[in-house]
Amino acid sequence: MNFSVASYNIHRCAGLDRRVDLERIADVLKEVDADLVGIQEVLRPQADALAERLEMELAMGPTAKRNGLPYGNAVLSRLPIHGSQTFDLSWASREPRGGIRLDLAMNGVLLHLFNVHFGLKVRERADQVRMLVRDHILHEDLTGPRIVIGDLNEWFPGPVGRLLRRELHGPRIRRTHPAPLPIFPLDRIYWDRHLVSDGFRVHRSRLARVASDHLPVVARLRIASAPV
């Protein structure tokens, strides 16, 4: 069975025209039409509203509060969610960062999806990816295929991509930021050897170019074999 995974930094639904427009983000996600969507920079009420409009299950992984509201990462899913947990990736006194892990069922196989948002400094990201791999991706409790998605904030080839590629597969990186004329490949999707990719793309619709400062990335995957 094929399924699709997307990652999208929605920038709190604030577009490049400076309008906060949740309906526009929802329309972009309808265009993307993914079974699993990792979102970064989202407020809890926005995540709730997107889940309702798209008729998808929601798991929220807040990393901070903005105007008193939970803020951070979320995952929208058409697959049954068997469990979720948030984890902290904050570094020194920098902006709080973290991720959310979902355990999802598909055709009797348990998938482990990680949605993360890394920091802006090179050393910060290097430590965060080491924590992600050591403490989460390689965790002994994981029994199924693993997928990592998110805004990795790696502007040029560096330690984040190198370390993730030691453990996982991924496509040639594609430019996703800034949305109207992308220069930097900030948004990524990686998967382990038990999954096969049937396609990877950056969603470049006219609406997506203005709805956020990032473009969504989308991968089509299928299960090749399950871990033993």
C-alpha atoms as a PDB file:
ATOM      1  CA  MET A   1       0.000   0.000   0.000  1.00  0.00           C
ATOM      2  CA  ASN A   2       1.288   3.427  -0.961  1.00  0.00           C
ATOM      3  CA  PHE A   3       0.916   6.415   1.311  1.00  0.00           C
ATOM      4  CA  SER A   4       2.054  10.022   1.126  1.00  0.00           C
ATOM      5  CA  VAL A   5       3.887  12.141   3.680  1.00  0.00           C
ATOM      6  CA  ALA A   6       4.286  15.921   3.661  1.00  0.00           C
ATOM      7  CA  SER A   7       6.160  18.492   5.725  1.00  0.00           C
ATOM      8  CA  TYR A   8       5.059  22.127   5.821  1.00  0.00           C
ATOM      9  CA  ASN A   9       6.190  25.075   7.923  1.00  0.00           C
ATOM     10  CA  ILE A  10       3.004  27.150   7.888  1.00  0.00           C
ATOM     11  CA  HIS A  11       4.517  30.226   9.620  1.00  0.00           C
ATOM     12  CA  ARG A  12       1.492  30.568  11.951  1.00  0.00           C
ATOM     13  CA  CYS A  13      -0.703  30.829   8.803  1.00  0.00           C
ATOM     14  CA  ALA A  14       0.905  34.203   8.016  1.00  0.00           C
ATOM     15  CA  GLY A  15       1.427  34.611   4.293  1.00  0.00           C
ATOM     16  CA  LEU A  16       3.922  36.710   2.400  1.00  0.00           C
ATOM     17  CA  ASP A  17       1.184  39.289   1.936  1.00  0.00           C
ATOM     18  CA  ARG A  18       1.170  39.592   5.779  1.00  0.00           C
ATOM     19  CA  ARG A  19      -2.340  38.174   6.041  1.00  0.00           C
ATOM     20  CA  VAL A  20      -3.026  35.470   8.597  1.00  0.00           C
ATOM     21  CA  ASP A  21      -5.250  33.148   6.576  1.00  0.00           C
ATOM     22  CA  LEU A  22      -5.932  29.660   7.900  1.00  0.00           C
ATOM     23  CA  GLU A  23      -8.305  28.847   5.041  1.00  0.00           C
ATOM     24  CA  ARG A  24      -5.508  29.464   2.562  1.00  0.00           C
ATOM     25  CA  ILE A  25      -3.212  27.033   4.396  1.00  0.00           C
ATOM     26  CA  ALA A  26      -6.049  24.490   4.445  1.00  0.00           C
ATOM     27  CA  ASP A  27      -6.454  24.915   0.686  1.00  0.00           C
ATOM     28  CA  VAL A  28      -2.722  24.309   0.128  1.00  0.00           C
ATOM     29  CA  LEU A  29      -2.953  21.131   2.205  1.00  0.00           C
ATOM     30  CA  LYS A  30      -5.947  20.024   0.138  1.00  0.00           C
ATOM     31  CA  GLU A  31      -3.796  20.497  -2.975  1.00  0.00           C
ATOM     32  CA  VAL A  32      -0.993  18.457  -1.386  1.00  0.00           C
ATOM     33  CA  ASP A  33      -3.484  15.715  -0.414  1.00  0.00           C
ATOM     34  CA  ALA A  34      -1.075  13.767   1.827  1.00  0.00           C
ATOM     35  CA  ASP A  35      -2.026  10.999   4.245  1.00  0.00           C
ATOM     36  CA  LEU A  36       0.397  12.304   6.877  1.00  0.00           C
ATOM     37  CA  VAL A  37       1.271  15.982   7.253  1.00  0.00           C
ATOM     38  CA  GLY A  38       3.895  17.318   9.632  1.00  0.00           C
ATOM     39  CA  ILE A  39       3.361  20.987  10.409  1.00  0.00           C
ATOM     40  CA  GLN A  40       5.763  23.392  12.070  1.00  0.00           C
ATOM     41  CA  GLU A  41       5.142  26.860  13.565  1.00  0.00           C
ATOM     42  CA  VAL A  42       1.489  26.251  14.372  1.00  0.00           C
ATOM     43  CA  LEU A  43      -0.707  27.437  17.238  1.00  0.00           C
ATOM     44  CA  ARG A  44      -2.987  24.871  18.874  1.00  0.00           C
ATOM     45  CA  PRO A  45      -6.249  26.523  17.725  1.00  0.00           C
ATOM     46  CA  GLN A  46      -4.898  26.612  14.163  1.00  0.00           C
ATOM     47  CA  ALA A  47      -3.976  22.922  14.318  1.00  0.00           C
ATOM     48  CA  ASP A  48      -7.442  22.066  15.647  1.00  0.00           C
ATOM     49  CA  ALA A  49      -9.107  24.046  12.861  1.00  0.00           C
ATOM     50  CA  LEU A  50      -6.958  22.467  10.133  1.00  0.00           C
ATOM     51  CA  ALA A  51      -7.694  18.966  11.429  1.00  0.00           C
ATOM     52  CA  GLU A  52     -11.416  19.722  11.377  1.00  0.00           C
ATOM     53  CA  ARG A  53     -11.383  21.184   7.865  1.00  0.00           C
ATOM     54  CA  LEU A  54      -9.299  18.350   6.446  1.00  0.00           C
ATOM     55  CA  GLU A  55     -11.114  15.640   8.447  1.00  0.00           C
ATOM     56  CA  MET A  56      -7.855  14.230   9.789  1.00  0.00           C
ATOM     57  CA  GLU A  57      -6.678  13.087  13.197  1.00  0.00           C
ATOM     58  CA  LEU A  58      -4.428  15.499  15.084  1.00  0.00           C
ATOM     59  CA  ALA A  59      -1.456  15.119  17.405  1.00  0.00           C
ATOM     60  CA  MET A  60       0.053  18.319  18.814  1.00  0.00           C
ATOM     61  CA  GLY A  61       3.619  18.686  20.049  1.00  0.00           C
ATOM     62  CA  PRO A  62       3.995  22.136  21.606  1.00  0.00           C
ATOM     63  CA  THR A  63       7.464  23.541  22.255  1.00  0.00           C
ATOM     64  CA  ALA A  64       6.455  26.909  23.731  1.00  0.00           C
ATOM     65  CA  LYS A  65       3.551  29.294  24.205  1.00  0.00           C
ATOM     66  CA  ARG A  66       2.686  32.267  22.016  1.00  0.00           C
ATOM     67  CA  ASN A  67       0.148  34.728  23.396  1.00  0.00           C
ATOM     68  CA  GLY A  68      -0.721  32.120  26.012  1.00  0.00           C
ATOM     69  CA  LEU A  69      -1.443  29.423  23.404  1.00  0.00           C
ATOM     70  CA  PRO A  70       0.453  26.153  22.839  1.00  0.00           C
ATOM     71  CA  TYR A  71       2.756  26.575  19.843  1.00  0.00           C
ATOM     72  CA  GLY A  72       5.092  24.284  17.958  1.00  0.00           C
ATOM     73  CA  ASN A  73       4.732  21.141  15.852  1.00  0.00           C
ATOM     74  CA  ALA A  74       1.720  19.048  14.876  1.00  0.00           C
ATOM     75  CA  VAL A  75       0.852  16.059  12.717  1.00  0.00           C
ATOM     76  CA  LEU A  76      -2.364  15.563  10.751  1.00  0.00           C
ATOM     77  CA  SER A  77      -3.101  11.938   9.894  1.00  0.00           C
ATOM     78  CA  ARG A  78      -5.527   9.837   7.882  1.00  0.00           C
ATOM     79  CA  LEU A  79      -3.978   6.737   9.454  1.00  0.00           C
ATOM     80  CA  PRO A  80      -5.024   5.584  12.924  1.00  0.00           C
ATOM     81  CA  ILE A  81      -2.790   7.120  15.601  1.00  0.00           C
ATOM     82  CA  HIS A  82      -1.788   4.500  18.180  1.00  0.00           C
ATOM     83  CA  GLY A  83       0.286   6.845  20.295  1.00  0.00           C
ATOM     84  CA  SER A  84       2.197  10.109  20.343  1.00  0.00           C
ATOM     85  CA  GLN A  85       4.842  11.740  22.469  1.00  0.00           C
ATOM     86  CA  THR A  86       6.696  15.030  22.401  1.00  0.00           C
ATOM     87  CA  PHE A  87      10.405  15.407  23.046  1.00  0.00           C
ATOM     88  CA  ASP A  88      12.655  18.353  23.809  1.00  0.00           C
ATOM     89  CA  LEU A  89      15.522  19.380  21.531  1.00  0.00           C
ATOM     90  CA  SER A  90      16.187  22.792  23.086  1.00  0.00           C
ATOM     91  CA  TRP A  91      19.795  23.972  23.081  1.00  0.00           C
ATOM     92  CA  ALA A  92      21.345  26.293  25.687  1.00  0.00           C
ATOM     93  CA  SER A  93      19.412  29.570  25.875  1.00  0.00           C
ATOM     94  CA  ARG A  94      18.224  29.469  22.282  1.00  0.00           C
ATOM     95  CA  GLU A  95      14.563  29.386  21.223  1.00  0.00           C
ATOM     96  CA  PRO A  96      12.843  26.227  22.533  1.00  0.00           C
ATOM     97  CA  ARG A  97      12.854  23.442  19.936  1.00  0.00           C
ATOM     98  CA  GLY A  98      11.484  19.946  19.882  1.00  0.00           C
ATOM     99  CA  GLY A  99       9.635  17.262  18.025  1.00  0.00           C
ATOM    100  CA  ILE A 100       6.731  14.878  18.138  1.00  0.00           C
ATOM    101  CA  ARG A 101       6.738  11.137  17.490  1.00  0.00           C
ATOM    102  CA  LEU A 102       3.647   9.321  16.258  1.00  0.00           C
ATOM    103  CA  ASP A 103       3.076   5.580  16.148  1.00  0.00           C
ATOM    104  CA  LEU A 104       0.698   4.804  13.279  1.00  0.00           C
ATOM    105  CA  ALA A 105      -0.922   1.602  12.051  1.00  0.00           C
ATOM    106  CA  MET A 106      -1.067   0.658   8.372  1.00  0.00           C
ATOM    107  CA  ASN A 107      -1.979  -2.822   7.141  1.00  0.00           C
ATOM    108  CA  GLY A 108      -0.779  -4.406  10.350  1.00  0.00           C
ATOM    109  CA  VAL A 109       2.551  -2.556  10.318  1.00  0.00           C
ATOM    110  CA  LEU A 110       3.455   0.066  12.917  1.00  0.00           C
ATOM    111  CA  LEU A 111       5.053   3.204  11.451  1.00  0.00           C
ATOM    112  CA  HIS A 112       7.072   5.666  13.543  1.00  0.00           C
ATOM    113  CA  LEU A 113       6.877   9.262  12.299  1.00  0.00           C
ATOM    114  CA  PHE A 114       9.072  12.040  13.729  1.00  0.00           C
ATOM    115  CA  ASN A 115       8.213  15.684  13.018  1.00  0.00           C
ATOM    116  CA  VAL A 116      10.937  18.108  14.119  1.00  0.00           C
ATOM    117  CA  HIS A 117      11.962  21.750  13.900  1.00  0.00           C
ATOM    118  CA  PHE A 118      15.667  22.471  14.404  1.00  0.00           C
ATOM    119  CA  GLY A 119      17.418  25.697  15.409  1.00  0.00           C
ATOM    120  CA  LEU A 120      19.172  28.389  13.422  1.00  0.00           C
ATOM    121  CA  LYS A 121      22.794  27.913  14.563  1.00  0.00           C
ATOM    122  CA  VAL A 122      25.099  25.283  13.049  1.00  0.00           C
ATOM    123  CA  ARG A 123      26.276  23.905  16.421  1.00  0.00           C
ATOM    124  CA  GLU A 124      22.706  23.950  17.699  1.00  0.00           C
ATOM    125  CA  ARG A 125      21.468  21.847  14.775  1.00  0.00           C
ATOM    126  CA  ALA A 126      24.424  19.478  15.024  1.00  0.00           C
ATOM    127  CA  ASP A 127      23.608  18.734  18.664  1.00  0.00           C
ATOM    128  CA  GLN A 128      19.887  18.458  17.918  1.00  0.00           C
ATOM    129  CA  VAL A 129      20.334  15.903  15.146  1.00  0.00           C
ATOM    130  CA  ARG A 130      22.647  13.846  17.368  1.00  0.00           C
ATOM    131  CA  MET A 131      20.002  13.867  20.117  1.00  0.00           C
ATOM    132  CA  LEU A 132      17.301  12.935  17.613  1.00  0.00           C
ATOM    133  CA  VAL A 133      19.236   9.970  16.244  1.00  0.00           C
ATOM    134  CA  ARG A 134      20.691   8.702  19.530  1.00  0.00           C
ATOM    135  CA  ASP A 135      17.668   9.112  21.781  1.00  0.00           C
ATOM    136  CA  HIS A 136      14.749   8.695  19.397  1.00  0.00           C
ATOM    137  CA  ILE A 137      15.388   7.261  15.922  1.00  0.00           C
ATOM    138  CA  LEU A 138      17.573   4.451  17.288  1.00  0.00           C
ATOM    139  CA  HIS A 139      15.418   3.870  20.375  1.00  0.00           C
ATOM    140  CA  GLU A 140      15.184   0.172  21.219  1.00  0.00           C
ATOM    141  CA  ASP A 141      11.385   0.346  21.588  1.00  0.00           C
ATOM    142  CA  LEU A 142      10.871   1.100  17.880  1.00  0.00           C
ATOM    143  CA  THR A 143       9.644  -1.945  15.977  1.00  0.00           C
ATOM    144  CA  GLY A 144       8.504  -0.491  12.648  1.00  0.00           C
ATOM    145  CA  PRO A 145       9.745   1.658   9.767  1.00  0.00           C
ATOM    146  CA  ARG A 146      10.829   5.180  10.699  1.00  0.00           C
ATOM    147  CA  ILE A 147      10.192   8.456   8.894  1.00  0.00           C
ATOM    148  CA  VAL A 148      11.712  11.836   9.790  1.00  0.00           C
ATOM    149  CA  ILE A 149      10.155  15.031   8.474  1.00  0.00           C
ATOM    150  CA  GLY A 150      10.454  18.680   9.355  1.00  0.00           C
ATOM    151  CA  ASP A 151      12.028  22.076   8.993  1.00  0.00           C
ATOM    152  CA  LEU A 152      15.671  21.225   9.645  1.00  0.00           C
ATOM    153  CA  ASN A 153      16.888  24.800   9.061  1.00  0.00           C
ATOM    154  CA  GLU A 154      20.009  23.523   7.300  1.00  0.00           C
ATOM    155  CA  TRP A 155      20.666  26.207   4.715  1.00  0.00           C
ATOM    156  CA  PHE A 156      23.630  24.428   3.101  1.00  0.00           C
ATOM    157  CA  PRO A 157      24.889  20.802   3.167  1.00  0.00           C
ATOM    158  CA  GLY A 158      26.010  20.082   6.718  1.00  0.00           C
ATOM    159  CA  PRO A 159      25.946  17.761   9.728  1.00  0.00           C
ATOM    160  CA  VAL A 160      22.164  17.347   9.856  1.00  0.00           C
ATOM    161  CA  GLY A 161      21.838  15.792   6.429  1.00  0.00           C
ATOM    162  CA  ARG A 162      25.050  13.781   6.787  1.00  0.00           C
ATOM    163  CA  LEU A 163      24.037  12.163  10.075  1.00  0.00           C
ATOM    164  CA  LEU A 164      20.459  11.438   9.006  1.00  0.00           C
ATOM    165  CA  ARG A 165      21.696   9.795   5.799  1.00  0.00           C
ATOM    166  CA  ARG A 166      23.839   7.405   7.837  1.00  0.00           C
ATOM    167  CA  GLU A 167      20.661   5.929   9.310  1.00  0.00           C
ATOM    168  CA  LEU A 168      17.973   6.735   6.727  1.00  0.00           C
ATOM    169  CA  HIS A 169      17.370   7.249   3.023  1.00  0.00           C
ATOM    170  CA  GLY A 170      16.330  10.517   1.459  1.00  0.00           C
ATOM    171  CA  PRO A 171      15.970  12.228  -1.912  1.00  0.00           C
ATOM    172  CA  ARG A 172      18.234  14.844  -3.373  1.00  0.00           C
ATOM    173  CA  ILE A 173      17.514  17.939  -1.296  1.00  0.00           C
ATOM    174  CA  ARG A 174      15.216  20.500  -2.918  1.00  0.00           C
ATOM    175  CA  ARG A 175      14.900  24.225  -2.318  1.00  0.00           C
ATOM    176  CA  THR A 176      11.850  25.265  -0.300  1.00  0.00           C
ATOM    177  CA  HIS A 177      12.570  28.720   1.163  1.00  0.00           C
ATOM    178  CA  PRO A 178      11.669  31.503   0.552  1.00  0.00           C
ATOM    179  CA  ALA A 179       8.488  30.294  -1.091  1.00  0.00           C
ATOM    180  CA  PRO A 180       8.229  32.639  -4.113  1.00  0.00           C
ATOM    181  CA  LEU A 181      11.775  31.923  -5.320  1.00  0.00           C
ATOM    182  CA  PRO A 182      13.312  29.147  -3.197  1.00  0.00           C
ATOM    183  CA  ILE A 183      17.049  29.238  -2.511  1.00  0.00           C
ATOM    184  CA  PHE A 184      17.504  27.079   0.601  1.00  0.00           C
ATOM    185  CA  PRO A 185      16.559  23.391   1.176  1.00  0.00           C
ATOM    186  CA  LEU A 186      15.227  23.742   4.720  1.00  0.00           C
ATOM    187  CA  ASP A 187      12.372  21.224   4.600  1.00  0.00           C
ATOM    188  CA  ARG A 188      13.209  17.527   4.385  1.00  0.00           C
ATOM    189  CA  ILE A 189      11.818  13.983   4.466  1.00  0.00           C
ATOM    190  CA  TYR A 190      13.894  10.879   5.291  1.00  0.00           C
ATOM    191  CA  TRP A 191      12.822   7.222   5.594  1.00  0.00           C
ATOM    192  CA  ASP A 192      14.466   3.953   6.559  1.00  0.00           C
ATOM    193  CA  ARG A 193      15.376   0.932   4.425  1.00  0.00           C
ATOM    194  CA  HIS A 194      12.055  -0.822   5.023  1.00  0.00           C
ATOM    195  CA  LEU A 195      10.327   1.867   2.937  1.00  0.00           C
ATOM    196  CA  VAL A 196      10.614   2.583  -0.780  1.00  0.00           C
ATOM    197  CA  SER A 197       9.999   5.979  -2.365  1.00  0.00           C
ATOM    198  CA  ASP A 198       7.757   6.237  -5.415  1.00  0.00           C
ATOM    199  CA  GLY A 199       8.309   9.972  -5.768  1.00  0.00           C
ATOM    200  CA  PHE A 200       9.340  13.165  -4.017  1.00  0.00           C
ATOM    201  CA  ARG A 201       8.404  16.725  -4.900  1.00  0.00           C
ATOM    202  CA  VAL A 202       8.188  20.305  -3.730  1.00  0.00           C
ATOM    203  CA  HIS A 203       4.629  21.606  -3.986  1.00  0.00           C
ATOM    204  CA  ARG A 204       4.927  24.850  -5.972  1.00  0.00           C
ATOM    205  CA  SER A 205       1.359  25.950  -6.648  1.00  0.00           C
ATOM    206  CA  ARG A 206       0.485  29.617  -7.003  1.00  0.00           C
ATOM    207  CA  LEU A 207      -1.319  29.485  -3.662  1.00  0.00           C
ATOM    208  CA  ALA A 208       1.607  27.805  -1.883  1.00  0.00           C
ATOM    209  CA  ARG A 209       3.968  30.537  -3.045  1.00  0.00           C
ATOM    210  CA  VAL A 210       2.119  33.134  -0.955  1.00  0.00           C
ATOM    211  CA  ALA A 211       0.457  31.174   1.885  1.00  0.00           C
ATOM    212  CA  SER A 212       3.687  30.767   3.922  1.00  0.00           C
ATOM    213  CA  ASP A 213       7.382  31.580   3.616  1.00  0.00           C
ATOM    214  CA  HIS A 214       8.085  27.843   3.080  1.00  0.00           C
ATOM    215  CA  LEU A 215       6.883  25.447   0.391  1.00  0.00           C
ATOM    216  CA  PRO A 216       5.610  21.976   1.360  1.00  0.00           C
ATOM    217  CA  VAL A 217       7.587  18.855   0.457  1.00  0.00           C
ATOM    218  CA  VAL A 218       5.797  15.587  -0.331  1.00  0.00           C
ATOM    219  CA  ALA A 219       7.017  11.971  -0.585  1.00  0.00           C
ATOM    220  CA  ARG A 220       5.122   8.906  -1.784  1.00  0.00           C
ATOM    221  CA  LEU A 221       6.257   5.834   0.133  1.00  0.00           C
ATOM    222  CA  ARG A 222       5.419   2.156   0.400  1.00  0.00           C
ATOM    223  CA  ILE A 223       6.455  -0.597   2.746  1.00  0.00           C
ATOM    224  CA  ALA A 224       9.054  -2.886   1.191  1.00  0.00           C
ATOM    225  CA  SER A 225       9.700  -5.039   4.239  1.00  0.00           C
ATOM    226  CA  ALA A 226       9.100  -4.830   7.944  1.00  0.00           C
ATOM    227  CA  PRO A 227      11.844  -4.899  10.572  1.00  0.00           C
ATOM    228  CA  VAL A 228      12.393  -8.318  12.124  1.00  0.00           C
END
